[in-house]
Amino acid sequence: MDRPIYRILHLIFALGLAHALFLLGQEGVRAYELARERARLEEALRQAGARVARLEAEMKAAKDPAYLEALVRRLGFVRQEEILRRR
């Protein structure tokens, strides 16, 4: 076991093992970062879906004449035949 070739082979094996452990660690970090990015994107997608649903509900309400009248009245408008009185 004390031949010089065995020392070289042990050194090559140790370097290969160190390199493999380094690559394994890099993949672990990459997997962790990708999981965080995926969670962030899923949350953004959920928020975008909620916003789309809210906008669709607003579009549906905008087609309702009663909603439009209430919206205009909140802005202070009155009909032509109505009289505006201050409280």
C-alpha atoms as a PDB file:
ATOM      1  CA  MET A   1       0.000   0.000   0.000  1.00  0.00           C
ATOM      2  CA  ASP A   2       2.938   2.359   0.090  1.00  0.00           C
ATOM      3  CA  ARG A   3       3.531   2.487  -3.627  1.00  0.00           C
ATOM      4  CA  PRO A   4       3.517   6.037  -5.073  1.00  0.00           C
ATOM      5  CA  ILE A   5       0.714   5.225  -7.512  1.00  0.00           C
ATOM      6  CA  TYR A   6      -1.655   4.547  -4.614  1.00  0.00           C
ATOM      7  CA  ARG A   7      -0.912   7.952  -3.124  1.00  0.00           C
ATOM      8  CA  ILE A   8      -1.759   9.598  -6.434  1.00  0.00           C
ATOM      9  CA  LEU A   9      -4.929   7.523  -6.789  1.00  0.00           C
ATOM     10  CA  HIS A  10      -5.998   8.436  -3.244  1.00  0.00           C
ATOM     11  CA  LEU A  11      -5.388  12.108  -4.012  1.00  0.00           C
ATOM     12  CA  ILE A  12      -7.399  11.905  -7.231  1.00  0.00           C
ATOM     13  CA  PHE A  13     -10.198  10.108  -5.381  1.00  0.00           C
ATOM     14  CA  ALA A  14     -10.216  12.747  -2.621  1.00  0.00           C
ATOM     15  CA  LEU A  15     -10.307  15.570  -5.177  1.00  0.00           C
ATOM     16  CA  GLY A  16     -13.123  13.860  -7.072  1.00  0.00           C
ATOM     17  CA  LEU A  17     -15.079  13.352  -3.870  1.00  0.00           C
ATOM     18  CA  ALA A  18     -14.601  16.998  -2.875  1.00  0.00           C
ATOM     19  CA  HIS A  19     -15.744  18.104  -6.323  1.00  0.00           C
ATOM     20  CA  ALA A  20     -18.808  15.853  -6.176  1.00  0.00           C
ATOM     21  CA  LEU A  21     -19.736  17.223  -2.738  1.00  0.00           C
ATOM     22  CA  PHE A  22     -19.305  20.785  -4.018  1.00  0.00           C
ATOM     23  CA  LEU A  23     -21.574  20.079  -6.992  1.00  0.00           C
ATOM     24  CA  LEU A  24     -24.138  18.435  -4.716  1.00  0.00           C
ATOM     25  CA  GLY A  25     -24.130  21.531  -2.500  1.00  0.00           C
ATOM     26  CA  GLN A  26     -24.554  23.778  -5.542  1.00  0.00           C
ATOM     27  CA  GLU A  27     -27.553  21.743  -6.675  1.00  0.00           C
ATOM     28  CA  GLY A  28     -29.060  22.013  -3.197  1.00  0.00           C
ATOM     29  CA  VAL A  29     -28.713  25.801  -3.247  1.00  0.00           C
ATOM     30  CA  ARG A  30     -30.162  25.929  -6.747  1.00  0.00           C
ATOM     31  CA  ALA A  31     -33.128  23.753  -5.761  1.00  0.00           C
ATOM     32  CA  TYR A  32     -33.778  25.986  -2.726  1.00  0.00           C
ATOM     33  CA  GLU A  33     -33.691  29.161  -4.844  1.00  0.00           C
ATOM     34  CA  LEU A  34     -35.964  27.627  -7.465  1.00  0.00           C
ATOM     35  CA  ALA A  35     -38.456  26.594  -4.775  1.00  0.00           C
ATOM     36  CA  ARG A  36     -38.507  30.156  -3.422  1.00  0.00           C
ATOM     37  CA  GLU A  37     -38.964  31.586  -6.923  1.00  0.00           C
ATOM     38  CA  ARG A  38     -41.786  29.141  -7.601  1.00  0.00           C
ATOM     39  CA  ALA A  39     -43.550  30.113  -4.371  1.00  0.00           C
ATOM     40  CA  ARG A  40     -43.176  33.797  -5.260  1.00  0.00           C
ATOM     41  CA  LEU A  41     -44.568  33.247  -8.759  1.00  0.00           C
ATOM     42  CA  GLU A  42     -47.487  31.171  -7.450  1.00  0.00           C
ATOM     43  CA  GLU A  43     -48.349  33.982  -5.022  1.00  0.00           C
ATOM     44  CA  ALA A  44     -48.156  36.540  -7.842  1.00  0.00           C
ATOM     45  CA  LEU A  45     -50.383  34.315  -9.973  1.00  0.00           C
ATOM     46  CA  ARG A  46     -52.902  34.001  -7.134  1.00  0.00           C
ATOM     47  CA  GLN A  47     -52.951  37.787  -6.680  1.00  0.00           C
ATOM     48  CA  ALA A  48     -53.360  38.328 -10.424  1.00  0.00           C
ATOM     49  CA  GLY A  49     -56.257  35.861 -10.487  1.00  0.00           C
ATOM     50  CA  ALA A  50     -57.933  37.684  -7.611  1.00  0.00           C
ATOM     51  CA  ARG A  51     -57.451  40.993  -9.418  1.00  0.00           C
ATOM     52  CA  VAL A  52     -58.953  39.566 -12.622  1.00  0.00           C
ATOM     53  CA  ALA A  53     -61.960  38.269 -10.686  1.00  0.00           C
ATOM     54  CA  ARG A  54     -62.396  41.666  -9.018  1.00  0.00           C
ATOM     55  CA  LEU A  55     -62.181  43.472 -12.371  1.00  0.00           C
ATOM     56  CA  GLU A  56     -64.654  41.053 -13.971  1.00  0.00           C
ATOM     57  CA  ALA A  57     -67.089  41.691 -11.112  1.00  0.00           C
ATOM     58  CA  GLU A  58     -66.600  45.422 -11.609  1.00  0.00           C
ATOM     59  CA  MET A  59     -67.263  45.076 -15.349  1.00  0.00           C
ATOM     60  CA  LYS A  60     -70.427  43.107 -14.631  1.00  0.00           C
ATOM     61  CA  ALA A  61     -71.553  45.757 -12.141  1.00  0.00           C
ATOM     62  CA  ALA A  62     -70.806  48.549 -14.638  1.00  0.00           C
ATOM     63  CA  LYS A  63     -73.466  47.109 -16.948  1.00  0.00           C
ATOM     64  CA  ASP A  64     -76.108  47.467 -14.195  1.00  0.00           C
ATOM     65  CA  PRO A  65     -77.983  50.806 -14.469  1.00  0.00           C
ATOM     66  CA  ALA A  66     -78.670  50.930 -10.707  1.00  0.00           C
ATOM     67  CA  TYR A  67     -74.958  50.609  -9.939  1.00  0.00           C
ATOM     68  CA  LEU A  68     -74.087  53.331 -12.437  1.00  0.00           C
ATOM     69  CA  GLU A  69     -76.697  55.651 -10.941  1.00  0.00           C
ATOM     70  CA  ALA A  70     -75.358  55.057  -7.426  1.00  0.00           C
ATOM     71  CA  LEU A  71     -71.823  55.690  -8.634  1.00  0.00           C
ATOM     72  CA  VAL A  72     -72.800  58.955 -10.327  1.00  0.00           C
ATOM     73  CA  ARG A  73     -74.752  60.090  -7.258  1.00  0.00           C
ATOM     74  CA  ARG A  74     -71.705  59.497  -5.070  1.00  0.00           C
ATOM     75  CA  LEU A  75     -69.865  61.926  -7.337  1.00  0.00           C
ATOM     76  CA  GLY A  76     -72.544  64.544  -6.554  1.00  0.00           C
ATOM     77  CA  PHE A  77     -74.564  64.520  -9.746  1.00  0.00           C
ATOM     78  CA  VAL A  78     -78.357  64.870  -9.724  1.00  0.00           C
ATOM     79  CA  ARG A  79     -80.992  64.450 -12.395  1.00  0.00           C
ATOM     80  CA  GLN A  80     -82.253  67.434 -14.293  1.00  0.00           C
ATOM     81  CA  GLU A  81     -85.632  67.471 -12.538  1.00  0.00           C
ATOM     82  CA  GLU A  82     -84.134  67.037  -9.046  1.00  0.00           C
ATOM     83  CA  ILE A  83     -83.152  69.831  -6.698  1.00  0.00           C
ATOM     84  CA  LEU A  84     -79.928  69.569  -4.724  1.00  0.00           C
ATOM     85  CA  ARG A  85     -80.337  70.591  -1.073  1.00  0.00           C
ATOM     86  CA  ARG A  86     -77.560  71.010   1.408  1.00  0.00           C
ATOM     87  CA  ARG A  87     -77.846  69.342   4.763  1.00  0.00           C
END
